[in-house]
Every structure is written in C-alpha cells, then in structure tokens.
C-alpha atoms as a PDB file:
ATOM      1  CA  MET A   1     103.697  91.170  57.810  1.00  0.00           C
ATOM      2  CA  PRO A   2     102.126  90.944  61.300  1.00  0.00           C
ATOM      3  CA  ALA A   3      99.016  92.971  62.062  1.00  0.00           C
ATOM      4  CA  MET A   4      99.540  96.298  63.849  1.00  0.00           C
ATOM      5  CA  LEU A   5      97.339  98.298  66.203  1.00  0.00           C
ATOM      6  CA  ASP A   6      96.226 101.678  64.893  1.00  0.00           C
ATOM      7  CA  LEU A   7      96.379 104.355  67.624  1.00  0.00           C
ATOM      8  CA  ASP A   8      93.375 106.235  66.222  1.00  0.00           C
ATOM      9  CA  LEU A   9      91.301 103.052  66.387  1.00  0.00           C
ATOM     10  CA  LEU A  10      92.493 102.462  69.931  1.00  0.00           C
ATOM     11  CA  ARG A  11      91.484 105.973  71.027  1.00  0.00           C
ATOM     12  CA  SER A  12      87.971 105.442  69.680  1.00  0.00           C
ATOM     13  CA  PHE A  13      87.817 102.034  71.370  1.00  0.00           C
ATOM     14  CA  HIS A  14      88.865 103.535  74.724  1.00  0.00           C
ATOM     15  CA  MET A  15      86.267 106.313  74.409  1.00  0.00           C
ATOM     16  CA  ILE A  16      83.470 103.802  73.716  1.00  0.00           C
ATOM     17  CA  ALA A  17      84.580 101.671  76.668  1.00  0.00           C
ATOM     18  CA  ARG A  18      84.562 104.706  78.960  1.00  0.00           C
ATOM     19  CA  LEU A  19      81.208 106.159  77.866  1.00  0.00           C
ATOM     20  CA  GLY A  20      79.392 102.864  77.229  1.00  0.00           C
ATOM     21  CA  ARG A  21      77.721 104.110  74.052  1.00  0.00           C
ATOM     22  CA  PHE A  22      78.807 104.362  70.428  1.00  0.00           C
ATOM     23  CA  ARG A  23      76.831 107.562  69.837  1.00  0.00           C
ATOM     24  CA  ALA A  24      78.248 109.302  72.904  1.00  0.00           C
ATOM     25  CA  ALA A  25      81.773 108.358  71.837  1.00  0.00           C
ATOM     26  CA  ALA A  26      81.110 109.633  68.325  1.00  0.00           C
ATOM     27  CA  GLU A  27      79.907 112.986  69.663  1.00  0.00           C
ATOM     28  CA  ARG A  28      82.922 113.308  71.970  1.00  0.00           C
ATOM     29  CA  LEU A  29      85.349 112.501  69.102  1.00  0.00           C
ATOM     30  CA  ASN A  30      83.496 114.609  66.515  1.00  0.00           C
ATOM     31  CA  LYS A  31      82.867 111.581  64.323  1.00  0.00           C
ATOM     32  CA  SER A  32      79.725 109.973  62.966  1.00  0.00           C
ATOM     33  CA  PRO A  33      78.350 106.816  64.647  1.00  0.00           C
ATOM     34  CA  ALA A  34      78.882 104.994  61.356  1.00  0.00           C
ATOM     35  CA  ALA A  35      82.556 105.970  61.334  1.00  0.00           C
ATOM     36  CA  ILE A  36      82.948 104.753  64.910  1.00  0.00           C
ATOM     37  CA  SER A  37      81.325 101.420  64.012  1.00  0.00           C
ATOM     38  CA  VAL A  38      83.713 100.990  61.081  1.00  0.00           C
ATOM     39  CA  GLN A  39      86.672 101.709  63.336  1.00  0.00           C
ATOM     40  CA  VAL A  40      85.519  99.076  65.812  1.00  0.00           C
ATOM     41  CA  GLN A  41      85.116  96.544  63.012  1.00  0.00           C
ATOM     42  CA  ARG A  42      88.658  97.259  61.801  1.00  0.00           C
ATOM     43  CA  LEU A  43      90.030  96.895  65.317  1.00  0.00           C
ATOM     44  CA  GLU A  44      88.092  93.649  65.865  1.00  0.00           C
ATOM     45  CA  ALA A  45      89.646  92.282  62.686  1.00  0.00           C
ATOM     46  CA  VAL A  46      93.103  92.963  64.085  1.00  0.00           C
ATOM     47  CA  ALA A  47      92.251  91.754  67.598  1.00  0.00           C
ATOM     48  CA  GLY A  48      90.671  88.564  66.322  1.00  0.00           C
ATOM     49  CA  GLY A  49      87.191  88.746  67.788  1.00  0.00           C
ATOM     50  CA  ARG A  50      84.334  90.865  69.133  1.00  0.00           C
ATOM     51  CA  LEU A  51      85.304  93.633  71.537  1.00  0.00           C
ATOM     52  CA  PHE A  52      81.802  94.710  72.645  1.00  0.00           C
ATOM     53  CA  GLU A  53      78.463  93.102  73.409  1.00  0.00           C
ATOM     54  CA  ARG A  54      75.691  95.494  72.400  1.00  0.00           C
ATOM     55  CA  ASP A  55      72.032  96.019  73.280  1.00  0.00           C
ATOM     56  CA  ASN A  56      69.579  98.879  72.837  1.00  0.00           C
ATOM     57  CA  ARG A  57      70.862 100.817  75.814  1.00  0.00           C
ATOM     58  CA  ALA A  58      74.616 100.398  76.109  1.00  0.00           C
ATOM     59  CA  VAL A  59      77.660  98.361  75.189  1.00  0.00           C
ATOM     60  CA  VAL A  60      79.865  96.292  77.477  1.00  0.00           C
ATOM     61  CA  LEU A  61      83.327  94.893  76.909  1.00  0.00           C
ATOM     62  CA  THR A  62      83.756  91.234  76.009  1.00  0.00           C
ATOM     63  CA  PRO A  63      86.615  89.353  77.727  1.00  0.00           C
ATOM     64  CA  LEU A  64      88.731  90.097  74.649  1.00  0.00           C
ATOM     65  CA  GLY A  65      87.773  93.762  74.886  1.00  0.00           C
ATOM     66  CA  GLN A  66      88.729  93.849  78.567  1.00  0.00           C
ATOM     67  CA  ARG A  67      92.153  92.418  77.746  1.00  0.00           C
ATOM     68  CA  LEU A  68      92.665  94.937  74.949  1.00  0.00           C
ATOM     69  CA  LEU A  69      91.623  97.841  77.177  1.00  0.00           C
ATOM     70  CA  ALA A  70      93.957  96.792  79.983  1.00  0.00           C
ATOM     71  CA  GLY A  71      96.817  96.113  77.609  1.00  0.00           C
ATOM     72  CA  THR A  72      96.662  99.361  75.646  1.00  0.00           C
ATOM     73  CA  THR A  73      95.980 101.978  78.325  1.00  0.00           C
ATOM     74  CA  GLU A  74      99.646 102.383  79.152  1.00  0.00           C
ATOM     75  CA  LEU A  75     100.536 102.201  75.442  1.00  0.00           C
ATOM     76  CA  LEU A  76      98.522 105.345  74.711  1.00  0.00           C
ATOM     77  CA  ARG A  77      99.946 107.122  77.744  1.00  0.00           C
ATOM     78  CA  VAL A  78     103.528 106.324  76.756  1.00  0.00           C
ATOM     79  CA  HIS A  79     102.887 107.400  73.157  1.00  0.00           C
ATOM     80  CA  ASP A  80     101.395 110.753  74.161  1.00  0.00           C
ATOM     81  CA  ARG A  81     104.136 111.432  76.702  1.00  0.00           C
ATOM     82  CA  LEU A  82     106.856 110.623  74.174  1.00  0.00           C
ATOM     83  CA  MET A  83     105.307 112.872  71.514  1.00  0.00           C
ATOM     84  CA  ASP A  84     105.125 115.759  73.984  1.00  0.00           C
ATOM     85  CA  GLU A  85     108.791 115.272  74.865  1.00  0.00           C
ATOM     86  CA  LEU A  86     109.882 115.045  71.224  1.00  0.00           C
ATOM     87  CA  GLN A  87     107.909 118.057  70.082  1.00  0.00           C
ATOM     88  CA  ASP A  88     108.483 120.061  73.269  1.00  0.00           C
ATOM     89  CA  THR A  89     105.205 121.848  72.642  1.00  0.00           C
ATOM     90  CA  GLY A  90     103.461 120.810  75.832  1.00  0.00           C
ATOM     91  CA  PRO A  91     101.655 123.411  77.925  1.00  0.00           C
ATOM     92  CA  ALA A  92     103.281 125.207  80.822  1.00  0.00           C
ATOM     93  CA  GLY A  93     102.201 127.444  83.703  1.00  0.00           C
ATOM     94  CA  GLU A  94     100.440 127.338  87.053  1.00  0.00           C
ATOM     95  CA  VAL A  95      96.886 126.021  87.294  1.00  0.00           C
ATOM     96  CA  ARG A  96      94.648 126.207  90.358  1.00  0.00           C
ATOM     97  CA  LEU A  97      92.216 123.256  90.281  1.00  0.00           C
ATOM     98  CA  GLY A  98      89.279 122.698  92.626  1.00  0.00           C
ATOM     99  CA  VAL A  99      87.843 119.230  93.252  1.00  0.00           C
ATOM    100  CA  PRO A 100      84.929 118.052  95.446  1.00  0.00           C
ATOM    101  CA  ASP A 101      86.054 116.107  98.505  1.00  0.00           C
ATOM    102  CA  GLU A 102      84.347 112.868  97.446  1.00  0.00           C
ATOM    103  CA  TYR A 103      86.308 112.757  94.162  1.00  0.00           C
ATOM    104  CA  ALA A 104      89.627 114.070  95.450  1.00  0.00           C
ATOM    105  CA  GLY A 105      91.092 110.594  95.997  1.00  0.00           C
ATOM    106  CA  HIS A 106      90.280 109.514  92.443  1.00  0.00           C
ATOM    107  CA  VAL A 107      91.638 112.711  90.866  1.00  0.00           C
ATOM    108  CA  ILE A 108      94.837 112.668  92.942  1.00  0.00           C
ATOM    109  CA  ARG A 109      95.485 108.953  92.544  1.00  0.00           C
ATOM    110  CA  ASP A 110      94.401 108.347  88.945  1.00  0.00           C
ATOM    111  CA  ILE A 111      94.485 111.638  87.041  1.00  0.00           C
ATOM    112  CA  LEU A 112      97.165 113.904  88.490  1.00  0.00           C
ATOM    113  CA  PRO A 113      99.964 111.369  87.771  1.00  0.00           C
ATOM    114  CA  VAL A 114      98.925 111.418  84.095  1.00  0.00           C
ATOM    115  CA  ILE A 115      99.109 115.227  84.010  1.00  0.00           C
ATOM    116  CA  VAL A 116     102.432 115.368  85.869  1.00  0.00           C
ATOM    117  CA  ALA A 117     104.023 112.733  83.624  1.00  0.00           C
ATOM    118  CA  ARG A 118     102.685 114.206  80.378  1.00  0.00           C
ATOM    119  CA  TRP A 119     103.268 117.902  81.068  1.00  0.00           C
ATOM    120  CA  PRO A 120     106.095 118.398  83.552  1.00  0.00           C
ATOM    121  CA  ARG A 121     106.089 122.171  82.966  1.00  0.00           C
ATOM    122  CA  VAL A 122     102.575 122.508  84.382  1.00  0.00           C
ATOM    123  CA  VAL A 123     102.476 123.364  88.093  1.00  0.00           C
ATOM    124  CA  LEU A 124      99.223 122.290  89.738  1.00  0.00           C
ATOM    125  CA  GLU A 125      97.683 123.613  92.927  1.00  0.00           C
ATOM    126  CA  VAL A 126      94.723 121.462  93.993  1.00  0.00           C
ATOM    127  CA  GLU A 127      92.048 122.529  96.476  1.00  0.00           C
ATOM    128  CA  THR A 128      89.173 120.419  97.793  1.00  0.00           C
ATOM    129  CA  ALA A 129      85.813 121.807  98.906  1.00  0.00           C
ATOM    130  CA  ALA A 130      82.075 121.403  98.322  1.00  0.00           C
ATOM    131  CA  SER A 131      80.801 122.048  94.801  1.00  0.00           C
ATOM    132  CA  GLY A 132      79.063 125.262  95.808  1.00  0.00           C
ATOM    133  CA  VAL A 133      82.223 126.674  97.347  1.00  0.00           C
ATOM    134  CA  LEU A 134      84.286 125.686  94.318  1.00  0.00           C
ATOM    135  CA  THR A 135      81.777 127.303  91.953  1.00  0.00           C
ATOM    136  CA  ASP A 136      81.949 130.559  93.929  1.00  0.00           C
ATOM    137  CA  GLN A 137      85.747 130.527  94.006  1.00  0.00           C
ATOM    138  CA  PHE A 138      85.875 129.844  90.279  1.00  0.00           C
ATOM    139  CA  ARG A 139      83.546 132.728  89.488  1.00  0.00           C
ATOM    140  CA  ARG A 140      85.611 135.036  91.710  1.00  0.00           C
ATOM    141  CA  GLY A 141      88.735 134.093  89.768  1.00  0.00           C
ATOM    142  CA  ARG A 142      90.375 132.281  92.667  1.00  0.00           C
ATOM    143  CA  LEU A 143      90.448 129.008  90.717  1.00  0.00           C
ATOM    144  CA  ASP A 144      91.413 128.439  87.089  1.00  0.00           C
ATOM    145  CA  MET A 145      89.384 125.228  86.920  1.00  0.00           C
ATOM    146  CA  ALA A 146      86.845 123.426  89.088  1.00  0.00           C
ATOM    147  CA  VAL A 147      85.231 120.009  88.942  1.00  0.00           C
ATOM    148  CA  ILE A 148      81.726 120.391  90.374  1.00  0.00           C
ATOM    149  CA  VAL A 149      78.543 118.356  90.758  1.00  0.00           C
ATOM    150  CA  ARG A 150      75.172 119.967  90.069  1.00  0.00           C
ATOM    151  CA  PRO A 151      71.588 118.907  89.201  1.00  0.00           C
ATOM    152  CA  ALA A 152      71.337 117.811  85.577  1.00  0.00           C
ATOM    153  CA  GLY A 153      69.391 119.840  83.054  1.00  0.00           C
ATOM    154  CA  GLY A 154      70.071 123.270  84.528  1.00  0.00           C
ATOM    155  CA  GLU A 155      73.087 125.417  83.715  1.00  0.00           C
ATOM    156  CA  HIS A 156      74.905 124.721  80.480  1.00  0.00           C
ATOM    157  CA  ASP A 157      78.332 126.166  81.189  1.00  0.00           C
ATOM    158  CA  GLY A 158      81.198 123.767  81.792  1.00  0.00           C
ATOM    159  CA  ARG A 159      82.506 120.639  80.105  1.00  0.00           C
ATOM    160  CA  TYR A 160      80.409 117.573  80.830  1.00  0.00           C
ATOM    161  CA  LEU A 161      82.268 114.707  82.510  1.00  0.00           C
ATOM    162  CA  VAL A 162      79.736 112.122  83.652  1.00  0.00           C
ATOM    163  CA  ALA A 163      76.195 111.698  84.981  1.00  0.00           C
ATOM    164  CA  THR A 164      75.796 110.795  88.648  1.00  0.00           C
ATOM    165  CA  THR A 165      72.943 108.833  90.201  1.00  0.00           C
ATOM    166  CA  PRO A 166      72.441 109.816  93.845  1.00  0.00           C
ATOM    167  CA  VAL A 167      70.693 107.248  96.054  1.00  0.00           C
ATOM    168  CA  TRP A 168      69.565 107.065  99.663  1.00  0.00           C
ATOM    169  CA  VAL A 169      71.722 104.703 101.739  1.00  0.00           C
ATOM    170  CA  ALA A 170      71.769 103.312 105.260  1.00  0.00           C
ATOM    171  CA  ALA A 171      73.219 100.344 107.080  1.00  0.00           C
ATOM    172  CA  PRO A 172      70.995  97.273 106.484  1.00  0.00           C
ATOM    173  CA  ALA A 173      69.455  97.270 109.983  1.00  0.00           C
ATOM    174  CA  LEU A 174      68.444 100.913 109.737  1.00  0.00           C
ATOM    175  CA  ALA A 175      67.266 100.558 106.135  1.00  0.00           C
ATOM    176  CA  GLN A 176      64.888  97.744 107.095  1.00  0.00           C
ATOM    177  CA  ALA A 177      63.346  99.586 110.071  1.00  0.00           C
ATOM    178  CA  LEU A 178      63.253 103.298 109.312  1.00  0.00           C
ATOM    179  CA  PRO A 179      62.313 105.418 112.354  1.00  0.00           C
ATOM    180  CA  ASP A 180      59.539 107.995 112.168  1.00  0.00           C
ATOM    181  CA  ILE A 181      62.093 110.797 112.468  1.00  0.00           C
ATOM    182  CA  LEU A 182      64.948 110.071 110.079  1.00  0.00           C
ATOM    183  CA  PRO A 183      68.500 110.609 111.398  1.00  0.00           C
ATOM    184  CA  LEU A 184      70.589 112.219 108.671  1.00  0.00           C
ATOM    185  CA  ALA A 185      74.280 112.507 107.908  1.00  0.00           C
ATOM    186  CA  LEU A 186      74.490 115.737 105.923  1.00  0.00           C
ATOM    187  CA  HIS A 187      77.137 116.788 103.450  1.00  0.00           C
ATOM    188  CA  ALA A 188      78.656 120.289 103.490  1.00  0.00           C
ATOM    189  CA  ALA A 189      76.248 123.218 103.290  1.00  0.00           C
ATOM    190  CA  ASP A 190      77.283 123.961  99.696  1.00  0.00           C
ATOM    191  CA  CYS A 191      76.968 120.362  98.455  1.00  0.00           C
ATOM    192  CA  PRO A 192      74.103 119.826  95.971  1.00  0.00           C
ATOM    193  CA  TYR A 193      73.298 116.428  97.510  1.00  0.00           C
ATOM    194  CA  ARG A 194      72.544 118.077 100.852  1.00  0.00           C
ATOM    195  CA  ASP A 195      70.045 120.456  99.259  1.00  0.00           C
ATOM    196  CA  ALA A 196      68.502 117.643  97.188  1.00  0.00           C
ATOM    197  CA  MET A 197      67.960 115.291 100.124  1.00  0.00           C
ATOM    198  CA  LEU A 198      66.424 117.965 102.375  1.00  0.00           C
ATOM    199  CA  GLU A 199      64.143 119.236  99.613  1.00  0.00           C
ATOM    200  CA  ALA A 200      63.005 115.675  98.832  1.00  0.00           C
ATOM    201  CA  LEU A 201      62.150 114.899 102.460  1.00  0.00           C
ATOM    202  CA  THR A 202      60.434 118.253 103.020  1.00  0.00           C
ATOM    203  CA  SER A 203      58.309 117.846  99.877  1.00  0.00           C
ATOM    204  CA  ALA A 204      57.324 114.333 100.976  1.00  0.00           C
ATOM    205  CA  GLY A 205      56.489 115.472 104.503  1.00  0.00           C
ATOM    206  CA  ARG A 206      59.047 113.132 106.117  1.00  0.00           C
ATOM    207  CA  PRO A 207      60.374 114.475 109.442  1.00  0.00           C
ATOM    208  CA  TRP A 208      64.133 114.367 109.988  1.00  0.00           C
ATOM    209  CA  ARG A 209      66.883 115.407 112.366  1.00  0.00           C
ATOM    210  CA  VAL A 210      70.579 116.063 111.838  1.00  0.00           C
ATOM    211  CA  LEU A 211      72.912 113.565 113.448  1.00  0.00           C
ATOM    212  CA  LEU A 212      76.050 114.602 111.539  1.00  0.00           C
ATOM    213  CA  ALA A 213      76.945 117.536 109.326  1.00  0.00           C
ATOM    214  CA  SER A 214      80.404 117.366 107.807  1.00  0.00           C
ATOM    215  CA  PRO A 215      82.335 118.648 104.771  1.00  0.00           C
ATOM    216  CA  SER A 216      84.089 115.262 104.677  1.00  0.00           C
ATOM    217  CA  ALA A 217      82.533 112.657 102.395  1.00  0.00           C
ATOM    218  CA  GLY A 218      84.452 110.015 104.304  1.00  0.00           C
ATOM    219  CA  ALA A 219      82.877 111.079 107.603  1.00  0.00           C
ATOM    220  CA  VAL A 220      79.376 110.985 106.094  1.00  0.00           C
ATOM    221  CA  GLU A 221      79.927 107.517 104.636  1.00  0.00           C
ATOM    222  CA  THR A 222      81.420 106.192 107.878  1.00  0.00           C
ATOM    223  CA  CYS A 223      78.403 107.473 109.805  1.00  0.00           C
ATOM    224  CA  VAL A 224      76.095 105.628 107.399  1.00  0.00           C
ATOM    225  CA  GLU A 225      78.101 102.401 107.558  1.00  0.00           C
ATOM    226  CA  ALA A 226      78.025 102.542 111.359  1.00  0.00           C
ATOM    227  CA  GLY A 227      74.221 102.402 111.251  1.00  0.00           C
ATOM    228  CA  LEU A 228      73.790 105.830 112.822  1.00  0.00           C
ATOM    229  CA  ALA A 229      72.172 107.771 110.000  1.00  0.00           C
ATOM    230  CA  LEU A 230      70.945 107.873 106.415  1.00  0.00           C
ATOM    231  CA  SER A 231      72.447 109.960 103.651  1.00  0.00           C
ATOM    232  CA  VAL A 232      72.659 110.346  99.886  1.00  0.00           C
ATOM    233  CA  VAL A 233      75.706 109.222  97.902  1.00  0.00           C
ATOM    234  CA  ASP A 234      76.508 108.413  94.294  1.00  0.00           C
ATOM    235  CA  ARG A 235      75.374 104.895  93.416  1.00  0.00           C
ATOM    236  CA  SER A 236      78.998 104.140  92.525  1.00  0.00           C
ATOM    237  CA  ARG A 237      80.039 104.878  96.132  1.00  0.00           C
ATOM    238  CA  VAL A 238      77.646 102.393  97.759  1.00  0.00           C
ATOM    239  CA  THR A 239      79.779 100.008  99.837  1.00  0.00           C
ATOM    240  CA  PRO A 240      79.024  96.467 101.056  1.00  0.00           C
ATOM    241  CA  ALA A 241      78.179  97.962 104.464  1.00  0.00           C
ATOM    242  CA  MET A 242      75.423 100.102 102.924  1.00  0.00           C
ATOM    243  CA  GLN A 243      71.989  99.312 101.545  1.00  0.00           C
ATOM    244  CA  ILE A 244      70.072 101.445  99.058  1.00  0.00           C
ATOM    245  CA  VAL A 245      66.820 102.667 100.609  1.00  0.00           C
ATOM    246  CA  GLU A 246      64.102 102.572  97.970  1.00  0.00           C
ATOM    247  CA  ALA A 247      61.326 103.712 100.323  1.00  0.00           C
ATOM    248  CA  LEU A 248      62.496 107.338 100.442  1.00  0.00           C
ATOM    249  CA  PRO A 249      61.758 109.997  97.792  1.00  0.00           C
ATOM    250  CA  PRO A 250      64.095 109.590  94.803  1.00  0.00           C
ATOM    251  CA  ILE A 251      66.816 112.138  94.105  1.00  0.00           C
ATOM    252  CA  GLY A 252      67.169 113.449  90.564  1.00  0.00           C
ATOM    253  CA  VAL A 253      70.139 112.763  88.319  1.00  0.00           C
ATOM    254  CA  HIS A 254      73.125 115.074  88.761  1.00  0.00           C
ATOM    255  CA  GLU A 255      76.139 115.677  86.553  1.00  0.00           C
ATOM    256  CA  ALA A 256      79.835 116.264  87.081  1.00  0.00           C
ATOM    257  CA  VAL A 257      81.316 119.018  84.912  1.00  0.00           C
ATOM    258  CA  VAL A 258      84.584 120.916  84.794  1.00  0.00           C
ATOM    259  CA  LEU A 259      84.476 124.708  84.720  1.00  0.00           C
ATOM    260  CA  ALA A 260      87.510 126.379  83.150  1.00  0.00           C
ATOM    261  CA  HIS A 261      88.656 129.906  82.364  1.00  0.00           C
ATOM    262  CA  PRO A 262      90.208 130.362  78.912  1.00  0.00           C
ATOM    263  CA  SER A 263      93.972 130.699  79.182  1.00  0.00           C
ATOM    264  CA  ASP A 264      96.557 132.657  77.240  1.00  0.00           C
ATOM    265  CA  GLY A 265      99.746 131.267  75.722  1.00  0.00           C
ATOM    266  CA  ASP A 266     100.353 127.601  76.457  1.00  0.00           C
ATOM    267  CA  ASP A 267      96.913 126.119  77.053  1.00  0.00           C
ATOM    268  CA  ALA A 268      97.563 124.265  80.304  1.00  0.00           C
ATOM    269  CA  VAL A 269      93.933 124.680  81.376  1.00  0.00           C
ATOM    270  CA  GLY A 270      92.629 123.193  78.135  1.00  0.00           C
ATOM    271  CA  ALA A 271      95.092 120.306  78.317  1.00  0.00           C
ATOM    272  CA  ILE A 272      94.099 119.434  81.870  1.00  0.00           C
ATOM    273  CA  GLY A 273      90.425 119.687  80.935  1.00  0.00           C
ATOM    274  CA  SER A 274      90.985 117.128  78.174  1.00  0.00           C
ATOM    275  CA  VAL A 275      92.679 114.717  80.576  1.00  0.00           C
ATOM    276  CA  LEU A 276      89.868 115.113  83.095  1.00  0.00           C
ATOM    277  CA  ALA A 277      87.290 114.394  80.396  1.00  0.00           C
ATOM    278  CA  GLN A 278      89.222 111.299  79.295  1.00  0.00           C
ATOM    279  CA  HIS A 279      89.956 109.759  82.682  1.00  0.00           C
ATOM    280  CA  PHE A 280      87.294 110.973  85.143  1.00  0.00           C
ATOM    281  CA  ARG A 281      85.269 108.130  86.654  1.00  0.00           C
ATOM    282  CA  LEU A 282      82.724 107.818  89.419  1.00  0.00           C
END
C-alpha cells in the first residue's frame, strides 16, 4: 500500500516552517517539543528525506521541505474548505477588521481570499489606518478586530502574530553621506515607528527636519527610494533601492498582534483570528 500524508503531521510541519522554531510551533499547537520532533520524523519517513536543517537558533527548509510546503499548502486549504461545506458549521456574521496601511496589501491579497473561500457566510468590512488609530477605534467598539504594531515587551493583550525588526533606511547615496540635519520621511502620527524614530534621534542628540509626513507607507518608502529622506521600515520591507543605515540609533523590536472582541453565536471573530495567526507574514 502506498504511503499517505497525515494531515495532522502536515499542519505541524507548516507551523514549524512559518515560525522557524520547533519550540514556538509546539507552543502554538499546544504540543510538547518532543511530540513535534516525532511528528517531523514520521513525516520525513513518508517524504523520503530531511525536511529541515537545524542549528541552535532556528530551522530552515531543505529543498525537499520547500517542495513539500509548496505542494501541500493548497491541499490543507481545500481540505478545510470541504469540511466546512460538509458540516455546514462555519461561522457567520459581519466583522469589522482594521489593518495598518503597510500590511493591507498582504492581508487583502493573501489572507482575505482564504477567509472568503472558507467561510462564505462571513461578511468582512476592512479599514486601513495607523496602529494607534486602529487601537483607539477597537477600544471604542468601532472595530471587532484590529491588527496593530506596537513596541515589544509592553502590553500583553492581543494575539501575537510576529516580531518585527524596524531599521533605518535611505537611498545608498544618502546613506553614505548623512547630512548634519537629517531629512525624515515620517509615518502617520499614530504609527509606533514614527514615535520610535523621533525618540531615538532626540535621545542621541541628532538634529532632524521633516521632509514628508504621510499616512501612506507607500509614499514614505517612495520618498526614501528617491533619495530625499531617511525613515524606519520593517527589515522585511527593505527594497533593492534602499540601504540599511547602521550609523543611526537602533530601534527596538516591535510586534504585530491582533486585538479581538469576544463574539456571541458563530465565532467569526475567532475564526478570522486563527487564519490571521496562521497566514500573517511580514
């Protein structure tokens, strides 16, 4: 009888690949690290080789692991969608979701289609704004859920999604010859990166001036790429036209979390929160 892929093993494999650590995946799946290791060994036996290369800090996919990840992503989606349709127990209702501007493209392109396909009875209303604005709207009850970015190690409410590493960036010419008074492209007034960059420069005694202030992450990044100003962005958003500026005061690690109000009846909010936790990337 030919070997078969176990869906539970695949879900653990996908979680490890997304988080990059066995222990983090075990915590997210409420399993022990030993159990996760056994599951990987069982899956490797079926796949016919090693799926991860491991060191003391993280794990990375082998070429075989990359093929398995790419080949089984849609399999899990189809399975979950079919089970929802067969059982007809999927959540329903209207959900107001807030997302920071810089992540709106990713959420709309990569995550909303999963939600729409899996739970057709859920009606989503998505709003984009700075994290501070979204937090305020959530606390006022104007949003059911909100993805926000905030400094790590502070508040503990919300469901953790991913850590972010903000870095100073500029076009190469500007990065290599910083002026005495730094021209800045600032994010929206309620964006945590704006506060972090101004506090870092003020503490270091570095003079600055505002060249651009915009709620649009795209406008800020375009201004940087054009060589007009410096700014702070997630390391994952550094483009080939940008250079990381190591000479400026470092910005502390931040985190992306999803805030959610508990819902009654069909748990549409909880279901969407689970999808965000599974698929959110920087």
